[in-house]
Amino acid sequence: MWAALVDRLGLVRGLGSGRRRGSGAPGFVRAEVRYVDLKGERHLQVTEFDERQAHTRNVPDADVEKVVDELLDAGYGSWHVETTSETLRLRYTKKGKELLHRQEDSREQQTSHDRVKRRVLDPAAPFLIELGISDHQGRVKPSRQAKYKQIEEFCKLLAPAVDEAVAAGRIAKDRPLQVVDLGCGNAYLTLAAYHLLSAAGHDVRMTGIDHNPAARKRNTRVVEALGWQEHLRFLDATIEGAELDVRPDVVLALHACDTATDDALARAARWEAALVLAAPCCHHDIQKQLKSVTPPAPYALMTRYGIVRERFADVLTDTLRAAVLRQVGYRVEVVQFVDSQHTPRNLLLRAARTGAEPAADLRAEYQAMVTEWQVTPRLAQLLLPEGAEVVS
């Protein structure tokens, strides 16, 4: 991995993300590196992303190896590196062991400093035109910029997560990739995910589920217009009532309202899906519960004011969701997937099934939190035997 990152003539792009178990948290959410030519000299361009913005620096040749060492030691849980001849995927196990997967590839190195902005979803893609997000000249409509950005950023996290699951053996390579979008609505994410994963070489079988007959008919017309009907279907069903003939590998849920997100996470866990990506929407359930409880001392001020109580309930809800998923065999990350200017609901739970037994301290910490705050998470009621009990 180090050799690929310091290869001035071969590196196309390197991306570090996630948090390595047993290591301190990286200073940034993710880091991206590539080589650029500035005034006739090659530099390593390092772009590091926090929750608000990107920070870019251009490292002169003499300092490249030192900076690469620092990046590899920063604590990122995985690296995805593209070179002119191969793709490398590095991840770390719970015990700190390095697992490296190599795949032969062929691509060109672009070192222009003023490059065209990298897009995961080409605005001229036919499905975006069919959905009305782009015009017939392949340009994103001004009124649909936020929606385009939302699904593109979701897909940026989806693609490497699927690659990692395949490389780790959690998703089989010798059969079609089964993907389900729960609460798919107008199918923006459904079609984007199908397009993205198919373009990446996966043999995708996609199912969109939503209890809205009108949306299903509209979505089906779009899919038929694109010629995707053999591998992409829509079912008219509720999230909790959906029945599939094949267990899904990947389950998606974008902005399912309130406890519908819990229903989606529970369905994914019961299917034992290898990978789950869910971006929650509103969080009314625990907000309501907090109105009628006495907060543990000295935190009464956190629920005194309505707007503060709502924001705290958002954080508490997703914290407890992650804790529940960890107790049923998932490794969970909670990340920001798009800037708040595009949508205020911009957190994403990314869960990979490992089947590992939860540590005793996790159960204890979870139980202490729900007991002190006197809340009963919907997801716990669905997945944990003790979760159905009312905390008092």
Protein backbone atom coordinates (compact mmCIF):
# COMPACT_ATOMS: atom_id res chain seq x y z
CA MET A 1 0.00 0.00 0.00
CA TRP A 2 2.81 2.41 0.92
CA ALA A 3 4.59 1.72 -2.38
CA ALA A 4 1.44 2.47 -4.36
CA LEU A 5 0.84 5.76 -2.55
CA VAL A 6 4.38 7.04 -3.11
CA ASP A 7 4.43 5.98 -6.78
CA ARG A 8 4.57 9.37 -8.52
CA LEU A 9 3.91 7.84 -11.95
CA GLY A 10 1.35 5.17 -11.04
CA LEU A 11 -1.01 6.47 -8.36
CA VAL A 12 -4.38 7.62 -9.65
CA ARG A 13 -6.22 8.08 -6.36
CA GLY A 14 -6.05 6.91 -2.75
CA LEU A 15 -8.88 7.16 -0.22
CA GLY A 16 -8.60 6.55 3.53
CA SER A 17 -11.77 6.35 5.60
CA GLY A 18 -13.32 4.87 8.73
CA ARG A 19 -11.62 4.31 12.06
CA ARG A 20 -9.16 1.54 12.83
CA ARG A 21 -10.17 -0.51 15.85
CA GLY A 22 -7.80 0.02 18.79
CA SER A 23 -6.38 3.20 17.26
CA GLY A 24 -7.08 6.82 18.00
CA ALA A 25 -9.66 8.54 15.83
CA PRO A 26 -8.19 10.12 12.66
CA GLY A 27 -8.14 13.89 12.63
CA PHE A 28 -10.48 13.89 9.61
CA VAL A 29 -13.47 11.87 8.41
CA ARG A 30 -11.59 10.79 5.28
CA ALA A 31 -8.50 11.66 3.26
CA GLU A 32 -8.01 11.57 -0.51
CA VAL A 33 -4.62 11.74 -2.26
CA ARG A 34 -3.44 12.05 -5.86
CA TYR A 35 -0.48 13.54 -7.72
CA VAL A 36 -0.66 16.92 -9.45
CA ASP A 37 1.82 18.94 -11.50
CA LEU A 38 2.44 22.49 -10.27
CA LYS A 39 4.87 24.75 -12.13
CA GLY A 40 6.54 21.76 -13.74
CA GLU A 41 7.03 19.82 -10.49
CA ARG A 42 5.02 16.87 -9.19
CA HIS A 43 3.30 17.24 -5.82
CA LEU A 44 1.16 14.94 -3.71
CA GLN A 45 -2.21 16.62 -3.30
CA VAL A 46 -3.80 15.68 0.03
CA THR A 47 -7.47 16.57 0.56
CA GLU A 48 -8.77 15.93 4.07
CA PHE A 49 -12.47 16.18 4.90
CA ASP A 50 -13.98 17.13 8.23
CA GLU A 51 -17.71 17.36 8.85
CA ARG A 52 -17.94 20.81 7.29
CA GLN A 53 -15.42 21.22 4.51
CA ALA A 54 -12.41 19.94 2.59
CA HIS A 55 -8.84 20.99 3.43
CA THR A 56 -6.32 20.66 0.58
CA ARG A 57 -2.52 20.87 0.67
CA ASN A 58 0.07 20.20 -2.02
CA VAL A 59 3.11 18.34 -0.69
CA PRO A 60 6.46 18.81 -2.50
CA ASP A 61 8.28 15.72 -3.70
CA ALA A 62 10.88 15.80 -0.91
CA ASP A 63 8.19 15.42 1.77
CA VAL A 64 5.93 12.86 0.08
CA GLU A 65 7.19 9.75 1.85
CA LYS A 66 6.96 11.41 5.27
CA VAL A 67 3.36 12.54 4.62
CA VAL A 68 2.33 9.09 3.35
CA ASP A 69 3.75 7.56 6.53
CA GLU A 70 1.70 10.00 8.58
CA LEU A 71 -1.49 9.21 6.65
CA LEU A 72 -1.07 5.46 7.04
CA ASP A 73 -0.47 5.95 10.77
CA ALA A 74 -3.45 8.30 11.18
CA GLY A 75 -5.83 5.52 12.21
CA TYR A 76 -8.04 5.11 9.12
CA GLY A 77 -9.83 1.76 9.12
CA SER A 78 -9.59 1.14 5.38
CA TRP A 79 -7.76 2.33 2.29
CA HIS A 80 -8.99 2.15 -1.30
CA VAL A 81 -6.16 2.86 -3.75
CA GLU A 82 -6.39 3.03 -7.54
CA THR A 83 -3.26 2.89 -9.70
CA THR A 84 -2.72 2.71 -13.44
CA SER A 85 -2.54 -1.10 -13.24
CA GLU A 86 -4.53 -2.28 -10.23
CA THR A 87 -6.96 -1.54 -7.41
CA LEU A 88 -5.88 -2.21 -3.83
CA ARG A 89 -8.20 -2.44 -0.83
CA LEU A 90 -6.71 -2.54 2.64
CA ARG A 91 -8.69 -3.02 5.84
CA TYR A 92 -7.85 -3.88 9.43
CA THR A 93 -9.46 -6.66 11.47
CA LYS A 94 -10.55 -6.22 15.09
CA LYS A 95 -7.19 -7.65 16.16
CA GLY A 96 -5.32 -5.14 14.02
CA LYS A 97 -4.36 -7.58 11.28
CA GLU A 98 -4.00 -6.10 7.79
CA LEU A 99 -6.06 -7.66 5.00
CA LEU A 100 -5.04 -6.56 1.50
CA HIS A 101 -7.00 -7.36 -1.66
CA ARG A 102 -5.56 -6.71 -5.14
CA GLN A 103 -7.44 -6.57 -8.43
CA GLU A 104 -5.97 -5.94 -11.86
CA ASP A 105 -7.28 -2.77 -13.49
CA SER A 106 -6.29 -0.29 -16.16
CA ARG A 107 -6.77 3.46 -15.94
CA GLU A 108 -4.94 6.68 -16.77
CA GLN A 109 -3.25 8.99 -14.31
CA GLN A 110 -4.51 12.58 -14.47
CA THR A 111 -2.14 15.12 -12.93
CA SER A 112 -3.71 18.36 -14.07
CA HIS A 113 -4.21 20.68 -11.11
CA ASP A 114 -7.38 22.24 -12.52
CA ARG A 115 -9.15 18.97 -13.20
CA VAL A 116 -12.85 18.53 -13.83
CA LYS A 117 -14.66 17.86 -10.56
CA ARG A 118 -14.82 14.14 -9.89
CA ARG A 119 -18.37 12.80 -10.13
CA VAL A 120 -19.57 9.43 -8.95
CA LEU A 121 -22.81 9.92 -10.86
CA ASP A 122 -22.47 11.45 -14.33
CA PRO A 123 -25.14 14.19 -14.59
CA ALA A 124 -25.76 13.00 -18.16
CA ALA A 125 -26.61 9.45 -17.04
CA PRO A 126 -29.93 8.44 -18.70
CA PHE A 127 -31.59 7.52 -15.39
CA LEU A 128 -31.06 11.05 -14.05
CA ILE A 129 -32.70 12.48 -17.15
CA GLU A 130 -35.62 10.04 -16.85
CA LEU A 131 -36.06 11.02 -13.19
CA GLY A 132 -36.09 14.72 -14.09
CA ILE A 133 -32.97 15.52 -12.08
CA SER A 134 -30.95 16.41 -15.19
CA ASP A 135 -32.16 18.13 -18.35
CA HIS A 136 -31.83 16.61 -21.82
CA GLN A 137 -28.43 18.27 -22.25
CA GLY A 138 -27.13 16.25 -19.30
CA ARG A 139 -27.01 19.14 -16.84
CA VAL A 140 -28.40 18.93 -13.32
CA LYS A 141 -31.41 21.24 -13.04
CA PRO A 142 -30.91 24.12 -10.58
CA SER A 143 -33.98 23.05 -8.61
CA ARG A 144 -32.65 19.48 -8.26
CA GLN A 145 -29.08 20.21 -7.20
CA ALA A 146 -29.74 19.27 -3.56
CA LYS A 147 -31.35 15.94 -4.50
CA TYR A 148 -28.53 15.13 -6.93
CA LYS A 149 -25.91 15.92 -4.30
CA GLN A 150 -27.73 13.87 -1.68
CA ILE A 151 -27.84 10.66 -3.73
CA GLU A 152 -24.32 11.16 -5.12
CA GLU A 153 -22.83 11.49 -1.63
CA PHE A 154 -24.77 8.43 -0.47
CA CYS A 155 -23.35 6.48 -3.41
CA LYS A 156 -19.82 7.63 -2.57
CA LEU A 157 -20.14 5.72 0.68
CA LEU A 158 -21.99 2.78 -0.84
CA ALA A 159 -19.48 1.77 -3.51
CA PRO A 160 -16.38 1.28 -1.28
CA ALA A 161 -18.51 -0.40 1.41
CA VAL A 162 -19.70 -2.99 -1.10
CA ASP A 163 -16.14 -3.48 -2.37
CA GLU A 164 -14.93 -4.05 1.19
CA ALA A 165 -17.71 -6.57 1.94
CA VAL A 166 -16.89 -8.52 -1.23
CA ALA A 167 -13.14 -8.46 -0.51
CA ALA A 168 -13.77 -9.67 3.06
CA GLY A 169 -15.90 -12.55 1.84
CA ARG A 170 -19.11 -11.32 3.46
CA ILE A 171 -20.71 -11.01 0.00
CA ALA A 172 -20.15 -13.89 -2.43
CA LYS A 173 -18.58 -13.15 -5.81
CA ASP A 174 -20.02 -16.12 -7.73
CA ARG A 175 -23.68 -15.02 -7.81
CA PRO A 176 -25.74 -11.88 -8.44
CA LEU A 177 -25.51 -9.06 -5.90
CA GLN A 178 -28.91 -8.77 -4.18
CA VAL A 179 -29.75 -5.18 -3.14
CA VAL A 180 -32.95 -3.92 -1.48
CA ASP A 181 -34.03 -0.29 -0.98
CA LEU A 182 -36.61 -0.11 1.83
CA GLY A 183 -39.04 2.81 1.68
CA CYS A 184 -37.74 3.66 -1.79
CA GLY A 185 -40.31 6.39 -2.53
CA ASN A 186 -39.60 7.88 -5.96
CA ALA A 187 -36.60 5.55 -6.39
CA TYR A 188 -33.88 8.18 -6.76
CA LEU A 189 -31.48 6.15 -4.63
CA THR A 190 -32.74 2.81 -6.01
CA LEU A 191 -31.84 3.72 -9.58
CA ALA A 192 -28.62 5.48 -8.60
CA ALA A 193 -27.39 2.45 -6.65
CA TYR A 194 -28.30 0.08 -9.47
CA HIS A 195 -26.52 2.29 -12.02
CA LEU A 196 -23.43 2.73 -9.85
CA LEU A 197 -22.98 -0.91 -8.82
CA SER A 198 -23.70 -2.22 -12.32
CA ALA A 199 -21.14 0.18 -13.79
CA ALA A 200 -18.63 -1.12 -11.22
CA GLY A 201 -19.01 -4.62 -12.68
CA HIS A 202 -21.50 -6.20 -10.27
CA ASP A 203 -24.33 -8.38 -11.57
CA VAL A 204 -27.02 -6.52 -9.62
CA ARG A 205 -30.55 -7.63 -8.75
CA MET A 206 -32.32 -4.62 -7.25
CA THR A 207 -35.65 -4.44 -5.41
CA GLY A 208 -37.35 -1.23 -4.33
CA ILE A 209 -40.01 -1.59 -1.63
CA ASP A 210 -42.61 1.04 -0.78
CA HIS A 211 -46.28 0.95 0.18
CA ASN A 212 -47.32 3.48 -2.45
CA PRO A 213 -49.00 2.02 -5.56
CA ALA A 214 -48.77 5.27 -7.52
CA ALA A 215 -45.01 5.57 -6.91
CA ARG A 216 -44.51 1.92 -7.83
CA LYS A 217 -46.27 2.40 -11.18
CA ARG A 218 -44.27 5.55 -11.92
CA ASN A 219 -40.97 3.89 -10.94
CA THR A 220 -41.77 0.84 -13.05
CA ARG A 221 -42.38 3.05 -16.10
CA VAL A 222 -38.98 4.73 -15.59
CA VAL A 223 -37.22 1.35 -15.29
CA GLU A 224 -38.91 0.06 -18.45
CA ALA A 225 -37.89 3.20 -20.32
CA LEU A 226 -34.29 2.52 -19.30
CA GLY A 227 -34.51 -1.19 -20.21
CA TRP A 228 -33.61 -2.29 -16.68
CA GLN A 229 -36.79 -4.22 -15.93
CA GLU A 230 -35.15 -7.67 -15.94
CA HIS A 231 -32.89 -6.83 -13.01
CA LEU A 232 -34.78 -4.08 -11.17
CA ARG A 233 -38.27 -4.46 -9.71
CA PHE A 234 -40.58 -2.68 -7.28
CA LEU A 235 -42.83 -4.26 -4.66
CA ASP A 236 -45.89 -2.63 -3.12
CA ALA A 237 -45.43 -3.54 0.55
CA THR A 238 -44.70 -2.10 3.96
CA ILE A 239 -41.16 -2.35 5.26
CA GLU A 240 -42.10 -4.77 8.03
CA GLY A 241 -44.35 -6.82 5.72
CA ALA A 242 -42.04 -7.15 2.72
CA GLU A 243 -41.27 -10.73 1.70
CA LEU A 244 -38.37 -11.63 -0.59
CA ASP A 245 -37.55 -14.89 -2.33
CA VAL A 246 -33.79 -14.29 -1.94
CA ARG A 247 -31.98 -12.95 1.11
CA PRO A 248 -30.46 -9.53 0.31
CA ASP A 249 -26.75 -8.80 0.55
CA VAL A 250 -27.18 -5.02 0.82
CA VAL A 251 -30.06 -3.11 2.39
CA LEU A 252 -30.52 0.64 1.85
CA ALA A 253 -32.89 3.10 3.47
CA LEU A 254 -32.78 6.82 2.72
CA HIS A 255 -34.85 9.06 4.99
CA ALA A 256 -37.49 6.56 6.11
CA CYS A 257 -39.56 8.65 8.51
CA ASP A 258 -39.22 8.24 12.29
CA THR A 259 -39.56 4.58 13.36
CA ALA A 260 -39.71 3.44 9.72
CA THR A 261 -35.91 3.64 9.90
CA ASP A 262 -36.05 1.23 12.86
CA ASP A 263 -38.30 -1.09 10.84
CA ALA A 264 -35.79 -1.00 7.98
CA LEU A 265 -32.81 -1.72 10.25
CA ALA A 266 -34.69 -4.57 11.92
CA ARG A 267 -35.64 -6.14 8.58
CA ALA A 268 -32.04 -5.92 7.42
CA ALA A 269 -30.77 -7.54 10.63
CA ARG A 270 -33.33 -10.33 10.48
CA TRP A 271 -32.34 -11.01 6.89
CA GLU A 272 -28.72 -11.03 8.14
CA ALA A 273 -27.80 -8.66 5.34
CA ALA A 274 -24.04 -8.33 4.96
CA LEU A 275 -24.21 -4.55 4.58
CA VAL A 276 -26.72 -1.92 5.68
CA LEU A 277 -26.69 1.79 4.86
CA ALA A 278 -29.46 3.87 6.39
CA ALA A 279 -29.86 7.64 6.56
CA PRO A 280 -32.52 8.36 9.23
CA CYS A 281 -35.12 11.07 8.87
CA CYS A 282 -37.17 12.62 11.69
CA HIS A 283 -36.83 11.24 15.24
CA HIS A 284 -40.23 11.80 16.85
CA ASP A 285 -40.47 8.61 18.90
CA ILE A 286 -37.79 9.29 21.53
CA GLN A 287 -38.54 13.02 21.39
CA LYS A 288 -42.02 12.23 22.66
CA GLN A 289 -40.68 9.88 25.33
CA LEU A 290 -38.32 12.55 26.65
CA LYS A 291 -41.21 14.94 27.22
CA SER A 292 -42.65 12.72 29.94
CA VAL A 293 -39.52 11.60 31.83
CA THR A 294 -37.40 13.14 34.53
CA PRO A 295 -33.87 13.48 33.07
CA PRO A 296 -30.97 12.04 35.07
CA ALA A 297 -29.07 14.62 37.09
CA PRO A 298 -27.49 16.92 36.08
CA TYR A 299 -28.94 16.85 32.55
CA ALA A 300 -32.37 18.42 33.06
CA LEU A 301 -31.28 21.50 31.12
CA MET A 302 -30.85 19.38 27.98
CA THR A 303 -34.61 18.74 27.80
CA ARG A 304 -35.85 22.06 29.15
CA TYR A 305 -35.96 23.80 25.76
CA GLY A 306 -37.88 22.26 22.88
CA ILE A 307 -35.30 22.78 20.13
CA VAL A 308 -32.47 21.48 22.31
CA ARG A 309 -34.57 18.48 23.35
CA GLU A 310 -35.27 17.68 19.70
CA ARG A 311 -31.62 17.81 18.71
CA PHE A 312 -30.57 15.78 21.71
CA ALA A 313 -33.24 13.20 20.87
CA ASP A 314 -31.78 12.91 17.36
CA VAL A 315 -28.34 12.14 18.79
CA LEU A 316 -29.69 9.78 21.43
CA THR A 317 -31.85 7.89 18.93
CA ASP A 318 -29.02 7.19 16.49
CA THR A 319 -26.58 6.37 19.29
CA LEU A 320 -28.99 3.74 20.62
CA ARG A 321 -29.66 2.40 17.12
CA ALA A 322 -25.95 1.84 16.60
CA ALA A 323 -25.67 0.14 20.00
CA VAL A 324 -28.56 -2.21 19.21
CA LEU A 325 -27.06 -3.18 15.84
CA ARG A 326 -23.73 -3.89 17.50
CA GLN A 327 -25.50 -6.24 19.91
CA VAL A 328 -26.89 -8.32 17.04
CA GLY A 329 -23.61 -8.84 15.22
CA TYR A 330 -22.88 -5.68 13.23
CA ARG A 331 -19.90 -3.34 13.11
CA VAL A 332 -21.37 0.16 12.92
CA GLU A 333 -20.13 3.56 11.80
CA VAL A 334 -22.14 6.77 12.07
CA VAL A 335 -20.96 9.36 9.53
CA GLN A 336 -22.12 12.55 7.87
CA PHE A 337 -22.77 11.76 4.22
CA VAL A 338 -23.72 15.18 2.82
CA ASP A 339 -23.38 18.79 3.92
CA SER A 340 -26.26 20.22 5.95
CA GLN A 341 -26.93 22.85 3.27
CA HIS A 342 -28.35 20.04 1.11
CA THR A 343 -30.38 18.34 3.85
CA PRO A 344 -30.45 18.75 7.66
CA ARG A 345 -30.92 14.96 7.94
CA ASN A 346 -27.40 14.10 6.91
CA LEU A 347 -26.21 11.30 9.19
CA LEU A 348 -25.74 7.80 7.85
CA LEU A 349 -25.51 4.52 9.74
CA ARG A 350 -23.24 2.10 7.90
CA ALA A 351 -23.36 -1.39 9.36
CA ALA A 352 -21.36 -4.44 8.25
CA ARG A 353 -22.40 -7.84 9.55
CA THR A 354 -19.57 -9.67 11.31
CA GLY A 355 -21.60 -12.04 13.48
CA ALA A 356 -19.37 -11.23 16.44
CA GLU A 357 -20.77 -11.50 19.94
CA PRO A 358 -21.08 -8.11 21.64
CA ALA A 359 -18.76 -7.29 24.50
CA ALA A 360 -20.28 -7.38 27.98
CA ASP A 361 -19.42 -3.72 28.56
CA LEU A 362 -21.48 -2.72 25.49
CA ARG A 363 -24.60 -4.37 26.89
CA ALA A 364 -23.97 -2.74 30.26
CA GLU A 365 -23.41 0.72 28.78
CA TYR A 366 -26.50 0.42 26.60
CA GLN A 367 -28.69 -0.71 29.48
CA ALA A 368 -27.40 2.07 31.72
CA MET A 369 -28.23 4.69 29.10
CA VAL A 370 -31.80 3.56 28.42
CA THR A 371 -32.44 3.12 32.14
CA GLU A 372 -31.17 6.56 33.11
CA TRP A 373 -33.04 8.30 30.32
CA GLN A 374 -36.14 6.09 30.75
CA VAL A 375 -36.58 5.47 27.03
CA THR A 376 -37.50 2.36 25.06
CA PRO A 377 -35.97 2.43 21.56
CA ARG A 378 -38.15 1.01 18.83
CA LEU A 379 -35.24 -0.92 17.32
CA ALA A 380 -34.57 -2.62 20.66
CA GLN A 381 -38.20 -3.72 20.84
CA LEU A 382 -37.81 -5.29 17.42
CA LEU A 383 -34.41 -6.96 17.84
CA LEU A 384 -33.54 -7.47 21.51
CA PRO A 385 -35.61 -9.79 23.71
CA GLU A 386 -35.24 -7.43 26.65
CA GLY A 387 -35.96 -4.46 24.37
CA ALA A 388 -39.69 -5.09 24.59
CA GLU A 389 -39.67 -4.33 28.29
CA VAL A 390 -40.64 -0.81 29.34
CA VAL A 391 -37.73 0.79 31.14
CA SER A 392 -38.69 2.28 34.49
